[in-house]
Amino acid sequence: MSGLPLRALPPGERPRERLLAEGAAALTDAELLAILFRTGNANGRESALELARRLLARAGERPPLAWLAEASVEELCQVAGIGLTKAVTVRAALELGRRVGEGRALGEVIRGPRDVARFLMGRMAGLPQEEFRTVLLNTRHRVIGLERVSLGDLDSSPAAPREVFREPVRRGAAAVVLAHNHPSGDPEPSPDDLAVTSRLVEAGRLLGIDVLDHIIIGHNGYVSLRERGVAF
């Protein structure tokens, strides 16, 4: 099918027609991207679907969508066939998806670590760098905000108490859940993770803000330090 435009495919194989008939959830990642691209390679040698598949393959061993979510416009434009228009379209679509996800989280009640992981796994699993984030909660443990506190190097993300609690204090949060990812994919806590958590739990007590948990996110799972019974 190399070079075959999408309109030349049988209707049942065209991504747009499939979306209309079966719903967006039925489409593959590549098919959804192909709809955004609309056209393939400028030289006509690849369809939009083939171009989308090749772009996702650039993720290598990382989860393709996690890689795509972090790729900049400049990085996307380095892929042959991805010009500025396609790159900007992808970035805009991903940002809309991120905002929709955060909007859905607002007002939700956090009953345990699984609820936090549900909000954050899609955003943080597979990231190339370690990020530290906080989930801000009111007195009824409803989400009032999601904040990225810091972005570290490949191995660490500093989490100074004044940075962690700046937004919770400003927004009047009653409690927070801490979260960070491990780029290695293994969510097992390190000694540094335990030490940082203990320090932040104590800082929260001094500020009158409960630290309910610290969730460590890997590629395919997470660890709750509260459930482990450590650092709390």
Protein backbone atom coordinates (compact mmCIF):
# COMPACT_ATOMS: atom_id res chain seq x y z
CA MET A 1 0.00 0.00 0.00
CA SER A 2 3.08 2.25 -0.13
CA GLY A 3 2.27 5.74 -1.37
CA LEU A 4 -1.44 5.02 -1.60
CA PRO A 5 -3.45 8.07 -0.44
CA LEU A 6 -6.09 7.43 2.21
CA ARG A 7 -8.90 8.30 -0.16
CA ALA A 8 -7.78 5.40 -2.39
CA LEU A 9 -8.29 2.87 0.39
CA PRO A 10 -11.56 0.95 0.75
CA PRO A 11 -13.96 3.01 2.93
CA GLY A 12 -13.76 0.44 5.72
CA GLU A 13 -10.01 1.00 6.01
CA ARG A 14 -9.93 4.79 5.97
CA PRO A 15 -9.28 6.24 9.45
CA ARG A 16 -11.83 9.05 9.18
CA GLU A 17 -14.58 6.75 7.97
CA ARG A 18 -13.71 4.20 10.63
CA LEU A 19 -13.95 6.88 13.31
CA LEU A 20 -17.39 7.91 12.10
CA ALA A 21 -18.61 4.32 11.94
CA GLU A 22 -16.96 2.81 15.01
CA GLY A 23 -15.94 5.73 17.22
CA ALA A 24 -12.52 7.18 18.01
CA ALA A 25 -11.72 4.49 20.59
CA ALA A 26 -11.68 1.85 17.85
CA LEU A 27 -8.79 3.48 16.00
CA THR A 28 -5.11 2.75 16.52
CA ASP A 29 -2.71 5.50 17.58
CA ALA A 30 -1.38 5.65 14.02
CA GLU A 31 -4.88 6.01 12.56
CA LEU A 32 -5.68 8.91 14.89
CA LEU A 33 -2.44 10.62 13.91
CA ALA A 34 -3.22 10.05 10.24
CA ILE A 35 -6.46 11.98 10.65
CA LEU A 36 -4.51 14.90 12.10
CA PHE A 37 -1.93 14.72 9.30
CA ARG A 38 -4.57 14.58 6.52
CA THR A 39 -1.85 14.03 3.92
CA GLY A 40 1.26 11.89 3.74
CA ASN A 41 4.75 12.65 2.54
CA ALA A 42 5.02 15.60 0.18
CA ASN A 43 6.71 13.39 -2.42
CA GLY A 44 3.68 11.08 -2.46
CA ARG A 45 5.63 8.01 -1.43
CA GLU A 46 3.90 7.57 1.92
CA SER A 47 0.28 7.82 2.94
CA ALA A 48 -0.67 9.73 6.10
CA LEU A 49 -1.10 6.39 7.84
CA GLU A 50 2.35 5.15 6.86
CA LEU A 51 3.87 8.45 7.95
CA ALA A 52 2.10 8.17 11.30
CA ARG A 53 3.39 4.64 11.84
CA ARG A 54 6.94 5.71 11.04
CA LEU A 55 6.71 8.65 13.43
CA LEU A 56 5.53 6.43 16.29
CA ALA A 57 8.33 3.96 15.55
CA ARG A 58 10.80 6.73 16.46
CA ALA A 59 9.90 6.11 20.09
CA GLY A 60 12.15 3.06 20.11
CA GLU A 61 11.80 1.19 23.41
CA ARG A 62 9.73 3.93 25.04
CA PRO A 63 5.92 3.85 25.00
CA PRO A 64 5.11 5.64 21.70
CA LEU A 65 2.52 8.02 23.08
CA ALA A 66 4.68 8.93 26.08
CA TRP A 67 7.49 9.79 23.68
CA LEU A 68 5.15 11.75 21.42
CA ALA A 69 3.73 13.70 24.37
CA GLU A 70 7.21 14.99 25.24
CA ALA A 71 8.52 15.60 21.72
CA SER A 72 8.93 19.27 20.83
CA VAL A 73 7.93 20.85 17.52
CA GLU A 74 11.61 20.95 16.59
CA GLU A 75 12.03 17.23 17.32
CA LEU A 76 8.97 16.32 15.30
CA CYS A 77 10.18 18.38 12.35
CA GLN A 78 13.37 16.32 12.27
CA VAL A 79 11.32 13.35 11.06
CA ALA A 80 11.21 13.25 7.27
CA GLY A 81 7.73 14.13 6.08
CA ILE A 82 6.75 15.99 9.25
CA GLY A 83 6.71 19.67 8.41
CA LEU A 84 5.89 22.58 10.66
CA THR A 85 2.13 22.34 10.03
CA LYS A 86 1.93 18.66 11.01
CA ALA A 87 4.21 19.15 14.01
CA VAL A 88 2.19 22.09 15.34
CA THR A 89 -1.06 20.18 14.80
CA VAL A 90 0.22 17.24 16.83
CA ARG A 91 1.44 19.48 19.67
CA ALA A 92 -1.88 21.33 19.78
CA ALA A 93 -3.89 18.09 19.86
CA LEU A 94 -1.76 16.66 22.65
CA GLU A 95 -2.05 19.84 24.71
CA LEU A 96 -5.84 19.77 24.34
CA GLY A 97 -5.83 16.17 25.53
CA ARG A 98 -3.68 17.08 28.52
CA ARG A 99 -6.02 19.92 29.47
CA VAL A 100 -9.08 17.71 29.10
CA GLY A 101 -7.48 15.14 31.40
CA GLU A 102 -6.65 17.74 34.02
CA GLY A 103 -10.12 19.22 33.75
CA ARG A 104 -11.67 15.82 34.39
CA ALA A 105 -9.48 15.34 37.44
CA LEU A 106 -10.61 18.60 39.04
CA GLY A 107 -13.36 17.95 41.55
CA GLU A 108 -12.72 14.20 41.69
CA VAL A 109 -12.45 12.66 45.15
CA ILE A 110 -9.16 10.94 45.97
CA ARG A 111 -9.94 7.80 47.96
CA GLY A 112 -6.61 6.06 47.54
CA PRO A 113 -3.46 5.68 45.46
CA ARG A 114 -5.29 4.03 42.58
CA ASP A 115 -7.23 7.26 41.97
CA VAL A 116 -4.00 9.27 41.82
CA ALA A 117 -2.34 6.74 39.52
CA ARG A 118 -5.34 6.88 37.20
CA PHE A 119 -4.81 10.62 36.76
CA LEU A 120 -1.05 10.54 36.40
CA MET A 121 0.02 7.28 34.72
CA GLY A 122 -0.80 8.54 31.24
CA ARG A 123 1.10 11.77 31.85
CA MET A 124 4.16 10.45 33.63
CA ALA A 125 4.81 6.82 32.70
CA GLY A 126 7.66 6.61 30.23
CA LEU A 127 8.88 10.20 30.57
CA PRO A 128 12.61 10.49 29.76
CA GLN A 129 13.25 12.73 32.76
CA GLU A 130 12.15 12.54 36.35
CA GLU A 131 9.37 14.93 37.26
CA PHE A 132 7.93 15.77 40.65
CA ARG A 133 4.26 16.70 40.83
CA THR A 134 1.65 17.41 43.46
CA VAL A 135 -2.08 16.76 43.54
CA LEU A 136 -3.78 19.51 45.56
CA LEU A 137 -6.85 18.57 47.61
CA ASN A 138 -9.46 20.40 49.65
CA THR A 139 -10.78 19.32 53.07
CA ARG A 140 -12.98 16.66 51.42
CA HIS A 141 -10.05 15.35 49.40
CA ARG A 142 -11.43 16.67 46.13
CA VAL A 143 -8.82 17.64 43.55
CA ILE A 144 -8.39 21.40 43.23
CA GLY A 145 -5.18 21.38 41.22
CA LEU A 146 -2.36 19.40 39.61
CA GLU A 147 1.06 21.03 39.71
CA ARG A 148 4.44 20.16 38.22
CA VAL A 149 6.95 21.15 40.89
CA SER A 150 10.24 20.32 39.22
CA LEU A 151 11.92 18.67 36.26
CA GLY A 152 15.14 16.87 37.02
CA ASP A 153 17.90 15.27 35.01
CA LEU A 154 17.78 11.64 33.91
CA ASP A 155 18.21 10.39 37.45
CA SER A 156 16.76 12.88 39.89
CA SER A 157 14.22 15.63 40.42
CA PRO A 158 14.90 17.98 43.34
CA ALA A 159 11.90 18.59 45.57
CA ALA A 160 12.61 21.43 47.99
CA PRO A 161 9.81 21.94 50.53
CA ARG A 162 9.33 25.59 49.60
CA GLU A 163 8.77 24.61 45.95
CA VAL A 164 6.50 21.70 46.79
CA PHE A 165 4.23 23.70 49.10
CA ARG A 166 4.23 27.06 47.32
CA GLU A 167 1.06 26.37 45.31
CA PRO A 168 -0.73 24.36 48.02
CA VAL A 169 -0.27 27.30 50.41
CA ARG A 170 -1.27 29.88 47.82
CA ARG A 171 -4.41 27.95 46.86
CA GLY A 172 -5.41 27.00 50.37
CA ALA A 173 -5.04 23.24 49.90
CA ALA A 174 -5.82 21.12 52.95
CA ALA A 175 -3.81 18.14 51.73
CA VAL A 176 -1.54 16.99 48.93
CA VAL A 177 -0.44 13.78 47.30
CA LEU A 178 3.15 13.73 46.06
CA ALA A 179 4.09 11.96 42.85
CA HIS A 180 7.15 11.42 40.72
CA ASN A 181 8.21 9.04 37.98
CA HIS A 182 11.22 6.79 37.54
CA PRO A 183 12.56 7.01 33.96
CA SER A 184 14.03 3.51 34.38
CA GLY A 185 10.48 2.19 34.48
CA ASP A 186 10.95 0.52 37.88
CA PRO A 187 8.75 2.21 40.51
CA GLU A 188 10.56 0.75 43.52
CA PRO A 189 11.50 3.57 45.93
CA SER A 190 15.11 4.52 46.48
CA PRO A 191 16.60 5.59 49.83
CA ASP A 192 16.51 9.16 48.54
CA ASP A 193 12.79 8.81 47.78
CA LEU A 194 12.14 7.77 51.37
CA ALA A 195 14.27 10.57 52.79
CA VAL A 196 12.60 13.24 50.63
CA THR A 197 9.15 11.94 51.56
CA SER A 198 9.89 12.03 55.29
CA ARG A 199 11.18 15.59 54.97
CA LEU A 200 8.10 16.72 53.05
CA VAL A 201 5.67 15.00 55.42
CA GLU A 202 7.26 16.90 58.31
CA ALA A 203 7.21 20.19 56.36
CA GLY A 204 3.54 19.64 55.61
CA ARG A 205 2.79 19.16 59.30
CA LEU A 206 4.45 22.47 60.12
CA LEU A 207 2.33 24.19 57.44
CA GLY A 208 -0.90 22.46 58.40
CA ILE A 209 -1.09 20.58 55.08
CA ASP A 210 -1.46 16.80 55.21
CA VAL A 211 0.79 14.78 52.90
CA LEU A 212 -1.48 11.81 52.24
CA ASP A 213 0.81 9.71 50.06
CA HIS A 214 3.76 9.65 47.71
CA ILE A 215 3.14 7.78 44.47
CA ILE A 216 6.11 6.58 42.40
CA ILE A 217 5.22 5.85 38.80
CA GLY A 218 6.97 3.37 36.53
CA HIS A 219 6.27 2.30 32.97
CA ASN A 220 3.62 -0.27 33.83
CA GLY A 221 2.76 0.30 37.44
CA TYR A 222 3.18 2.38 40.55
CA VAL A 223 4.17 2.15 44.21
CA SER A 224 2.36 3.89 47.06
CA LEU A 225 4.65 4.68 49.97
CA ARG A 226 1.59 4.97 52.20
CA GLU A 227 0.57 1.42 51.33
CA ARG A 228 4.14 0.28 51.92
CA GLY A 229 3.95 1.79 55.38
CA VAL A 230 7.19 3.73 54.98
CA ALA A 231 8.04 7.43 55.38
CA PHE A 232 4.65 8.16 57.01
